[in-house]
Amino acid sequence: MFIESTPISQGIAHRLEQLILDGDYKPGQKIPSERQLTEKLGVSRSLVREALKELHGRGIIKTQHGKGSFVSDILPVVADESVLMHLFQDHSRTLYDLLEVREQLEGQAAKLAAERGTEKDFYQITKAIEALEKSDALVNAKLDHAFHRAIAEASHNPVLIHVLNSLKGLTLQSVQVTLSNLSHRDHIKQQIDKHHRQIYNAILGRQPQWAMKAATAHVFHVRTSLKEIDKAEDGIIRTVDENPS
C-alpha cells in the first residue's frame, strides 16, 4: 500500500508547491488544514499528510504545534541585529541604496500586478489604499507599507515576493524615515499621494507599463526629495518610532 501511495503523495506535494509558486499561498501564510486539503484536492487524508511531511522535510513549509502549517520564507528575513540593519541605522547611504533597489523591484511588482492580478488581489489593494488615504500621514508607515506589499503579492511572482518580504524590516524603516521627513512638507506629500493613486489606477486599469512608470517615479521622487533635504538641511531625521500606531 505504501509503495502505491508514495507517487500519489508526491503528486499532491507537487500540486501544493505549484500553489505556492502561483502565489495562492504566500510567505508566512497558513495553508489549509489536512481536512480542508482533503476536500479541496479530492484525496484521502493520509495522502495529504504524507505530502505535507515531504514539503516539511524539504523546508518548503514549517509546522507550528497546535497552529498548523505555514509557507516558509525562501530567503531569510533581514534580522534587526543583522549587519545590514546596523548599516541602515548608522550610515545614510544605506537608505538611498535601499531606495534604489525598491525603485526597481516595486516598479516590476506594479507591472506584474497589472498583468496578473486577480479580482481578489485588486480588492486587497483597494482596501489598502483606502486605509492609507484615511490615516494620519504622520503615523501611517505600516499602512503605506501594506499598500506596496499588496501590490507585490498581486505580482504572483514568488521570487519577487520573497525578496521583498526578506527586506520587510528595512523597507518599513525606510517608510518611517520618509514620513518623518516628508509628510509635513505639503507639496511633497501631495505628490506622494498622487503617485499612490496613479499606481493604483494603472494596476486596476491593467496598464502594466504605466503601473511600472508610476511606481518607479514614486520611489525616485522619495529618494531625490530625501537627498535634497539631507544636503540642504545637513541631515535628515533618522530616529523614528519603530512601532507606529
C-alpha atoms as a PDB file:
ATOM      1  CA  MET A   1       0.000   0.000   0.000  1.00  0.00           C
ATOM      2  CA  PHE A   2       2.823   2.417   0.899  1.00  0.00           C
ATOM      3  CA  ILE A   3       4.572   1.730  -2.401  1.00  0.00           C
ATOM      4  CA  GLU A   4       1.395   2.501  -4.336  1.00  0.00           C
ATOM      5  CA  SER A   5       0.567   5.666  -2.395  1.00  0.00           C
ATOM      6  CA  THR A   6       4.002   7.265  -2.494  1.00  0.00           C
ATOM      7  CA  PRO A   7       3.801   8.528  -6.115  1.00  0.00           C
ATOM      8  CA  ILE A   8       0.327   9.938  -5.403  1.00  0.00           C
ATOM      9  CA  SER A   9       1.513  11.797  -2.321  1.00  0.00           C
ATOM     10  CA  GLN A  10       4.432  13.181  -4.326  1.00  0.00           C
ATOM     11  CA  GLY A  11       1.941  14.403  -6.915  1.00  0.00           C
ATOM     12  CA  ILE A  12      -0.050  16.123  -4.175  1.00  0.00           C
ATOM     13  CA  ALA A  13       3.146  17.691  -2.829  1.00  0.00           C
ATOM     14  CA  HIS A  14       3.901  18.962  -6.337  1.00  0.00           C
ATOM     15  CA  ARG A  15       0.411  20.472  -6.608  1.00  0.00           C
ATOM     16  CA  LEU A  16       0.876  22.270  -3.296  1.00  0.00           C
ATOM     17  CA  GLU A  17       4.267  23.533  -4.440  1.00  0.00           C
ATOM     18  CA  GLN A  18       2.615  24.897  -7.571  1.00  0.00           C
ATOM     19  CA  LEU A  19       0.033  26.738  -5.478  1.00  0.00           C
ATOM     20  CA  ILE A  20       2.902  28.314  -3.534  1.00  0.00           C
ATOM     21  CA  LEU A  21       4.694  29.254  -6.744  1.00  0.00           C
ATOM     22  CA  ASP A  22       1.495  30.740  -8.164  1.00  0.00           C
ATOM     23  CA  GLY A  23       1.128  32.887  -5.062  1.00  0.00           C
ATOM     24  CA  ASP A  24      -2.034  31.248  -3.753  1.00  0.00           C
ATOM     25  CA  TYR A  25      -0.135  30.547  -0.544  1.00  0.00           C
ATOM     26  CA  LYS A  26       2.286  33.346   0.318  1.00  0.00           C
ATOM     27  CA  PRO A  27       5.350  33.532   2.611  1.00  0.00           C
ATOM     28  CA  GLY A  28       4.251  33.137   6.220  1.00  0.00           C
ATOM     29  CA  GLN A  29       0.676  32.305   5.255  1.00  0.00           C
ATOM     30  CA  LYS A  30      -1.070  29.397   6.910  1.00  0.00           C
ATOM     31  CA  ILE A  31      -2.024  26.703   4.456  1.00  0.00           C
ATOM     32  CA  PRO A  32      -5.376  24.879   4.767  1.00  0.00           C
ATOM     33  CA  SER A  33      -5.747  22.071   7.286  1.00  0.00           C
ATOM     34  CA  GLU A  34      -5.432  18.413   6.318  1.00  0.00           C
ATOM     35  CA  ARG A  35      -9.221  18.149   6.290  1.00  0.00           C
ATOM     36  CA  GLN A  36      -9.593  21.200   4.050  1.00  0.00           C
ATOM     37  CA  LEU A  37      -6.893  19.973   1.674  1.00  0.00           C
ATOM     38  CA  THR A  38      -8.554  16.564   1.552  1.00  0.00           C
ATOM     39  CA  GLU A  39     -11.772  18.216   0.390  1.00  0.00           C
ATOM     40  CA  LYS A  40     -10.026  20.648  -1.962  1.00  0.00           C
ATOM     41  CA  LEU A  41      -7.852  18.038  -3.674  1.00  0.00           C
ATOM     42  CA  GLY A  42     -10.272  15.124  -3.502  1.00  0.00           C
ATOM     43  CA  VAL A  43      -7.802  12.684  -1.958  1.00  0.00           C
ATOM     44  CA  SER A  44      -7.507  10.815   1.330  1.00  0.00           C
ATOM     45  CA  ARG A  45      -6.266  12.483   4.492  1.00  0.00           C
ATOM     46  CA  SER A  46      -3.371  10.024   4.768  1.00  0.00           C
ATOM     47  CA  LEU A  47      -2.085  11.082   1.341  1.00  0.00           C
ATOM     48  CA  VAL A  48      -2.346  14.746   2.264  1.00  0.00           C
ATOM     49  CA  ARG A  49      -0.430  14.037   5.472  1.00  0.00           C
ATOM     50  CA  GLU A  50       2.361  12.298   3.501  1.00  0.00           C
ATOM     51  CA  ALA A  51       2.558  15.221   1.085  1.00  0.00           C
ATOM     52  CA  LEU A  52       2.821  17.730   3.925  1.00  0.00           C
ATOM     53  CA  LYS A  53       5.549  15.656   5.573  1.00  0.00           C
ATOM     54  CA  GLU A  54       7.502  15.716   2.322  1.00  0.00           C
ATOM     55  CA  LEU A  55       7.173  19.511   1.981  1.00  0.00           C
ATOM     56  CA  HIS A  56       8.139  19.940   5.636  1.00  0.00           C
ATOM     57  CA  GLY A  57      11.188  17.729   5.157  1.00  0.00           C
ATOM     58  CA  ARG A  58      12.350  19.915   2.284  1.00  0.00           C
ATOM     59  CA  GLY A  59      11.772  23.108   4.238  1.00  0.00           C
ATOM     60  CA  ILE A  60       9.033  24.417   1.964  1.00  0.00           C
ATOM     61  CA  ILE A  61       6.561  24.574   4.834  1.00  0.00           C
ATOM     62  CA  LYS A  62       7.030  24.779   8.569  1.00  0.00           C
ATOM     63  CA  THR A  63       4.666  23.349  11.166  1.00  0.00           C
ATOM     64  CA  GLN A  64       3.796  25.008  14.468  1.00  0.00           C
ATOM     65  CA  HIS A  65       2.312  22.663  17.042  1.00  0.00           C
ATOM     66  CA  GLY A  66      -1.325  23.472  17.625  1.00  0.00           C
ATOM     67  CA  LYS A  67      -1.378  26.149  14.941  1.00  0.00           C
ATOM     68  CA  GLY A  68      -0.881  24.351  11.638  1.00  0.00           C
ATOM     69  CA  SER A  69       1.481  24.570   8.662  1.00  0.00           C
ATOM     70  CA  PHE A  70       2.838  27.780   7.162  1.00  0.00           C
ATOM     71  CA  VAL A  71       4.704  28.625   3.960  1.00  0.00           C
ATOM     72  CA  SER A  72       8.406  29.100   4.705  1.00  0.00           C
ATOM     73  CA  ASP A  73      10.413  32.106   3.588  1.00  0.00           C
ATOM     74  CA  ILE A  74      12.608  31.166   0.635  1.00  0.00           C
ATOM     75  CA  LEU A  75      15.048  33.896   1.653  1.00  0.00           C
ATOM     76  CA  PRO A  76      15.920  34.707   5.277  1.00  0.00           C
ATOM     77  CA  VAL A  77      14.334  37.896   6.567  1.00  0.00           C
ATOM     78  CA  VAL A  78      16.868  40.591   7.458  1.00  0.00           C
ATOM     79  CA  ALA A  79      17.023  40.440  11.258  1.00  0.00           C
ATOM     80  CA  ASP A  80      17.023  43.542  13.476  1.00  0.00           C
ATOM     81  CA  GLU A  81      20.548  42.699  14.677  1.00  0.00           C
ATOM     82  CA  SER A  82      21.920  41.994  11.180  1.00  0.00           C
ATOM     83  CA  VAL A  83      24.899  43.860   9.727  1.00  0.00           C
ATOM     84  CA  LEU A  84      22.678  45.344   7.018  1.00  0.00           C
ATOM     85  CA  MET A  85      20.241  46.695   9.599  1.00  0.00           C
ATOM     86  CA  HIS A  86      23.095  48.294  11.540  1.00  0.00           C
ATOM     87  CA  LEU A  87      24.414  49.874   8.336  1.00  0.00           C
ATOM     88  CA  PHE A  88      20.955  51.252   7.607  1.00  0.00           C
ATOM     89  CA  GLN A  89      20.738  52.806  11.052  1.00  0.00           C
ATOM     90  CA  ASP A  90      24.286  54.174  11.138  1.00  0.00           C
ATOM     91  CA  HIS A  91      25.009  55.243   7.553  1.00  0.00           C
ATOM     92  CA  SER A  92      22.737  57.436   5.449  1.00  0.00           C
ATOM     93  CA  ARG A  93      23.966  55.878   2.226  1.00  0.00           C
ATOM     94  CA  THR A  94      22.277  52.553   3.034  1.00  0.00           C
ATOM     95  CA  LEU A  95      18.874  54.268   2.999  1.00  0.00           C
ATOM     96  CA  TYR A  96      19.484  55.521  -0.538  1.00  0.00           C
ATOM     97  CA  ASP A  97      20.878  52.162  -1.635  1.00  0.00           C
ATOM     98  CA  LEU A  98      17.692  50.511  -0.381  1.00  0.00           C
ATOM     99  CA  LEU A  99      15.514  53.050  -2.199  1.00  0.00           C
ATOM    100  CA  GLU A 100      17.409  52.362  -5.430  1.00  0.00           C
ATOM    101  CA  VAL A 101      16.605  48.672  -5.050  1.00  0.00           C
ATOM    102  CA  ARG A 102      12.989  49.387  -4.133  1.00  0.00           C
ATOM    103  CA  GLU A 103      12.624  51.552  -7.225  1.00  0.00           C
ATOM    104  CA  GLN A 104      13.418  48.602  -9.477  1.00  0.00           C
ATOM    105  CA  LEU A 105      11.637  45.863  -7.521  1.00  0.00           C
ATOM    106  CA  GLU A 106       8.445  47.810  -6.857  1.00  0.00           C
ATOM    107  CA  GLY A 107       8.296  49.021 -10.449  1.00  0.00           C
ATOM    108  CA  GLN A 108       8.404  45.415 -11.627  1.00  0.00           C
ATOM    109  CA  ALA A 109       5.882  44.358  -8.976  1.00  0.00           C
ATOM    110  CA  ALA A 110       3.402  47.002 -10.138  1.00  0.00           C
ATOM    111  CA  LYS A 111       3.846  45.962 -13.769  1.00  0.00           C
ATOM    112  CA  LEU A 112       3.217  42.292 -12.988  1.00  0.00           C
ATOM    113  CA  ALA A 113       0.276  43.142 -10.719  1.00  0.00           C
ATOM    114  CA  ALA A 114      -1.385  44.955 -13.612  1.00  0.00           C
ATOM    115  CA  GLU A 115      -0.798  41.919 -15.832  1.00  0.00           C
ATOM    116  CA  ARG A 116      -1.570  39.081 -13.416  1.00  0.00           C
ATOM    117  CA  GLY A 117      -3.621  40.484 -10.571  1.00  0.00           C
ATOM    118  CA  THR A 118      -6.915  38.777  -9.797  1.00  0.00           C
ATOM    119  CA  GLU A 119     -10.141  40.379  -8.596  1.00  0.00           C
ATOM    120  CA  LYS A 120      -9.229  39.216  -5.092  1.00  0.00           C
ATOM    121  CA  ASP A 121      -5.833  40.930  -5.413  1.00  0.00           C
ATOM    122  CA  PHE A 122      -7.468  44.139  -6.624  1.00  0.00           C
ATOM    123  CA  TYR A 123      -9.858  44.030  -3.669  1.00  0.00           C
ATOM    124  CA  GLN A 124      -6.907  43.786  -1.255  1.00  0.00           C
ATOM    125  CA  ILE A 125      -5.066  46.646  -2.998  1.00  0.00           C
ATOM    126  CA  THR A 126      -8.219  48.776  -2.882  1.00  0.00           C
ATOM    127  CA  LYS A 127      -8.660  48.108   0.854  1.00  0.00           C
ATOM    128  CA  ALA A 128      -5.003  49.012   1.412  1.00  0.00           C
ATOM    129  CA  ILE A 129      -5.083  52.348  -0.410  1.00  0.00           C
ATOM    130  CA  GLU A 130      -8.390  53.348   1.185  1.00  0.00           C
ATOM    131  CA  ALA A 131      -6.980  52.655   4.655  1.00  0.00           C
ATOM    132  CA  LEU A 132      -3.836  54.592   3.744  1.00  0.00           C
ATOM    133  CA  GLU A 133      -5.707  57.626   2.477  1.00  0.00           C
ATOM    134  CA  LYS A 134      -7.921  57.771   5.583  1.00  0.00           C
ATOM    135  CA  SER A 135      -4.989  57.626   8.008  1.00  0.00           C
ATOM    136  CA  ASP A 136      -2.919  60.289   9.714  1.00  0.00           C
ATOM    137  CA  ALA A 137       0.078  60.950   7.472  1.00  0.00           C
ATOM    138  CA  LEU A 138       2.481  61.003  10.408  1.00  0.00           C
ATOM    139  CA  VAL A 139       1.627  57.545  11.726  1.00  0.00           C
ATOM    140  CA  ASN A 140       0.760  55.525   8.628  1.00  0.00           C
ATOM    141  CA  ALA A 141       4.075  53.802   7.879  1.00  0.00           C
ATOM    142  CA  LYS A 142       2.582  50.340   8.310  1.00  0.00           C
ATOM    143  CA  LEU A 143      -0.392  51.215   6.088  1.00  0.00           C
ATOM    144  CA  ASP A 144       1.909  52.674   3.429  1.00  0.00           C
ATOM    145  CA  HIS A 145       3.999  49.511   3.532  1.00  0.00           C
ATOM    146  CA  ALA A 146       0.852  47.348   3.419  1.00  0.00           C
ATOM    147  CA  PHE A 147      -0.244  49.056   0.187  1.00  0.00           C
ATOM    148  CA  HIS A 148       3.058  48.243  -1.514  1.00  0.00           C
ATOM    149  CA  ARG A 149       3.030  44.713  -0.079  1.00  0.00           C
ATOM    150  CA  ALA A 150      -0.453  44.085  -1.516  1.00  0.00           C
ATOM    151  CA  ILE A 151       0.859  45.098  -4.927  1.00  0.00           C
ATOM    152  CA  ALA A 152       3.848  42.776  -4.604  1.00  0.00           C
ATOM    153  CA  GLU A 153       1.587  39.853  -3.705  1.00  0.00           C
ATOM    154  CA  ALA A 154      -0.566  40.598  -6.760  1.00  0.00           C
ATOM    155  CA  SER A 155       2.520  40.091  -8.957  1.00  0.00           C
ATOM    156  CA  HIS A 156       2.224  36.313  -8.432  1.00  0.00           C
ATOM    157  CA  ASN A 157       5.995  36.066  -8.768  1.00  0.00           C
ATOM    158  CA  PRO A 158       7.135  34.080  -5.712  1.00  0.00           C
ATOM    159  CA  VAL A 159      10.799  35.043  -6.054  1.00  0.00           C
ATOM    160  CA  LEU A 160       9.934  38.753  -6.154  1.00  0.00           C
ATOM    161  CA  ILE A 161       7.527  38.349  -3.231  1.00  0.00           C
ATOM    162  CA  HIS A 162      10.135  36.519  -1.143  1.00  0.00           C
ATOM    163  CA  VAL A 163      12.874  39.059  -1.956  1.00  0.00           C
ATOM    164  CA  LEU A 164      10.650  41.953  -0.882  1.00  0.00           C
ATOM    165  CA  ASN A 165       9.492  40.003   2.181  1.00  0.00           C
ATOM    166  CA  SER A 166      13.101  39.429   3.226  1.00  0.00           C
ATOM    167  CA  LEU A 167      13.577  43.217   3.215  1.00  0.00           C
ATOM    168  CA  LYS A 168      10.369  43.900   5.151  1.00  0.00           C
ATOM    169  CA  GLY A 169      12.040  45.330   8.257  1.00  0.00           C
ATOM    170  CA  LEU A 170      14.366  47.580   6.286  1.00  0.00           C
ATOM    171  CA  THR A 171      11.595  48.688   3.954  1.00  0.00           C
ATOM    172  CA  LEU A 172       9.290  49.567   6.836  1.00  0.00           C
ATOM    173  CA  GLN A 173      12.052  51.609   8.448  1.00  0.00           C
ATOM    174  CA  SER A 174      12.666  53.430   5.162  1.00  0.00           C
ATOM    175  CA  VAL A 175       8.959  54.293   5.005  1.00  0.00           C
ATOM    176  CA  GLN A 176       9.083  55.576   8.595  1.00  0.00           C
ATOM    177  CA  VAL A 177      12.094  57.760   7.763  1.00  0.00           C
ATOM    178  CA  THR A 178      10.330  59.007   4.640  1.00  0.00           C
ATOM    179  CA  LEU A 179       7.196  60.013   6.530  1.00  0.00           C
ATOM    180  CA  SER A 180       9.180  61.660   9.326  1.00  0.00           C
ATOM    181  CA  ASN A 181      10.968  63.874   6.827  1.00  0.00           C
ATOM    182  CA  LEU A 182       8.458  64.433   4.034  1.00  0.00           C
ATOM    183  CA  SER A 183       4.859  64.101   5.263  1.00  0.00           C
ATOM    184  CA  HIS A 184       4.762  67.615   6.770  1.00  0.00           C
ATOM    185  CA  ARG A 185       6.009  69.209   3.517  1.00  0.00           C
ATOM    186  CA  ASP A 186       2.731  69.719   1.694  1.00  0.00           C
ATOM    187  CA  HIS A 187       3.994  69.868  -1.894  1.00  0.00           C
ATOM    188  CA  ILE A 188       5.988  66.650  -1.470  1.00  0.00           C
ATOM    189  CA  LYS A 189       3.203  64.854   0.418  1.00  0.00           C
ATOM    190  CA  GLN A 190       0.708  65.787  -2.296  1.00  0.00           C
ATOM    191  CA  GLN A 191       2.972  64.283  -4.939  1.00  0.00           C
ATOM    192  CA  ILE A 192       3.384  61.081  -2.927  1.00  0.00           C
ATOM    193  CA  ASP A 193      -0.406  60.774  -2.594  1.00  0.00           C
ATOM    194  CA  LYS A 194      -0.774  61.440  -6.319  1.00  0.00           C
ATOM    195  CA  HIS A 195       1.757  58.722  -7.146  1.00  0.00           C
ATOM    196  CA  HIS A 196      -0.097  56.207  -4.961  1.00  0.00           C
ATOM    197  CA  ARG A 197      -3.329  56.914  -6.851  1.00  0.00           C
ATOM    198  CA  GLN A 198      -1.556  56.709 -10.215  1.00  0.00           C
ATOM    199  CA  ILE A 199      -0.086  53.328  -9.307  1.00  0.00           C
ATOM    200  CA  TYR A 200      -3.472  52.110  -8.095  1.00  0.00           C
ATOM    201  CA  ASN A 201      -5.369  53.318 -11.170  1.00  0.00           C
ATOM    202  CA  ALA A 202      -2.801  51.849 -13.574  1.00  0.00           C
ATOM    203  CA  ILE A 203      -2.881  48.440 -11.883  1.00  0.00           C
ATOM    204  CA  LEU A 204      -6.663  48.197 -11.723  1.00  0.00           C
ATOM    205  CA  GLY A 205      -6.839  49.531 -15.281  1.00  0.00           C
ATOM    206  CA  ARG A 206      -4.470  46.738 -16.331  1.00  0.00           C
ATOM    207  CA  GLN A 207      -1.932  49.140 -17.786  1.00  0.00           C
ATOM    208  CA  PRO A 208       1.376  47.433 -16.883  1.00  0.00           C
ATOM    209  CA  GLN A 209       3.739  49.980 -18.438  1.00  0.00           C
ATOM    210  CA  TRP A 210       2.003  52.894 -16.741  1.00  0.00           C
ATOM    211  CA  ALA A 211       1.945  50.991 -13.461  1.00  0.00           C
ATOM    212  CA  MET A 212       5.696  50.381 -13.646  1.00  0.00           C
ATOM    213  CA  LYS A 213       6.362  54.007 -14.622  1.00  0.00           C
ATOM    214  CA  ALA A 214       4.240  55.347 -11.753  1.00  0.00           C
ATOM    215  CA  ALA A 215       5.813  53.011  -9.172  1.00  0.00           C
ATOM    216  CA  THR A 216       9.394  53.802 -10.184  1.00  0.00           C
ATOM    217  CA  ALA A 217       8.612  57.530 -10.337  1.00  0.00           C
ATOM    218  CA  HIS A 218       7.161  57.316  -6.825  1.00  0.00           C
ATOM    219  CA  VAL A 219      10.259  55.778  -5.225  1.00  0.00           C
ATOM    220  CA  PHE A 220      12.564  58.029  -7.297  1.00  0.00           C
ATOM    221  CA  HIS A 221      10.662  61.084  -6.050  1.00  0.00           C
ATOM    222  CA  VAL A 222      11.024  59.936  -2.434  1.00  0.00           C
ATOM    223  CA  ARG A 223      14.748  59.227  -2.872  1.00  0.00           C
ATOM    224  CA  THR A 224      15.594  62.529  -4.562  1.00  0.00           C
ATOM    225  CA  SER A 225      13.464  64.534  -2.105  1.00  0.00           C
ATOM    226  CA  LEU A 226      15.235  62.969   0.867  1.00  0.00           C
ATOM    227  CA  LYS A 227      18.628  63.600  -0.713  1.00  0.00           C
ATOM    228  CA  GLU A 228      17.803  67.271  -1.321  1.00  0.00           C
ATOM    229  CA  ILE A 229      16.664  67.754   2.271  1.00  0.00           C
ATOM    230  CA  ASP A 230      19.661  65.794   3.568  1.00  0.00           C
ATOM    231  CA  LYS A 231      22.002  68.138   1.706  1.00  0.00           C
ATOM    232  CA  ALA A 232      20.169  71.419   2.301  1.00  0.00           C
ATOM    233  CA  GLU A 233      19.496  70.874   5.990  1.00  0.00           C
ATOM    234  CA  ASP A 234      22.704  68.988   6.809  1.00  0.00           C
ATOM    235  CA  GLY A 235      20.963  65.749   7.657  1.00  0.00           C
ATOM    236  CA  ILE A 236      17.566  64.130   7.896  1.00  0.00           C
ATOM    237  CA  ILE A 237      15.561  62.667  10.775  1.00  0.00           C
ATOM    238  CA  ARG A 238      16.714  59.085  11.146  1.00  0.00           C
ATOM    239  CA  THR A 239      15.439  58.158  14.620  1.00  0.00           C
ATOM    240  CA  VAL A 240      11.857  57.051  14.234  1.00  0.00           C
ATOM    241  CA  ASP A 241       9.241  55.190  16.240  1.00  0.00           C
ATOM    242  CA  GLU A 242       9.733  51.522  15.373  1.00  0.00           C
ATOM    243  CA  ASN A 243       6.127  50.721  16.243  1.00  0.00           C
ATOM    244  CA  PRO A 244       3.947  53.498  14.863  1.00  0.00           C
ATOM    245  CA  SER A 245       0.283  53.268  15.794  1.00  0.00           C
END
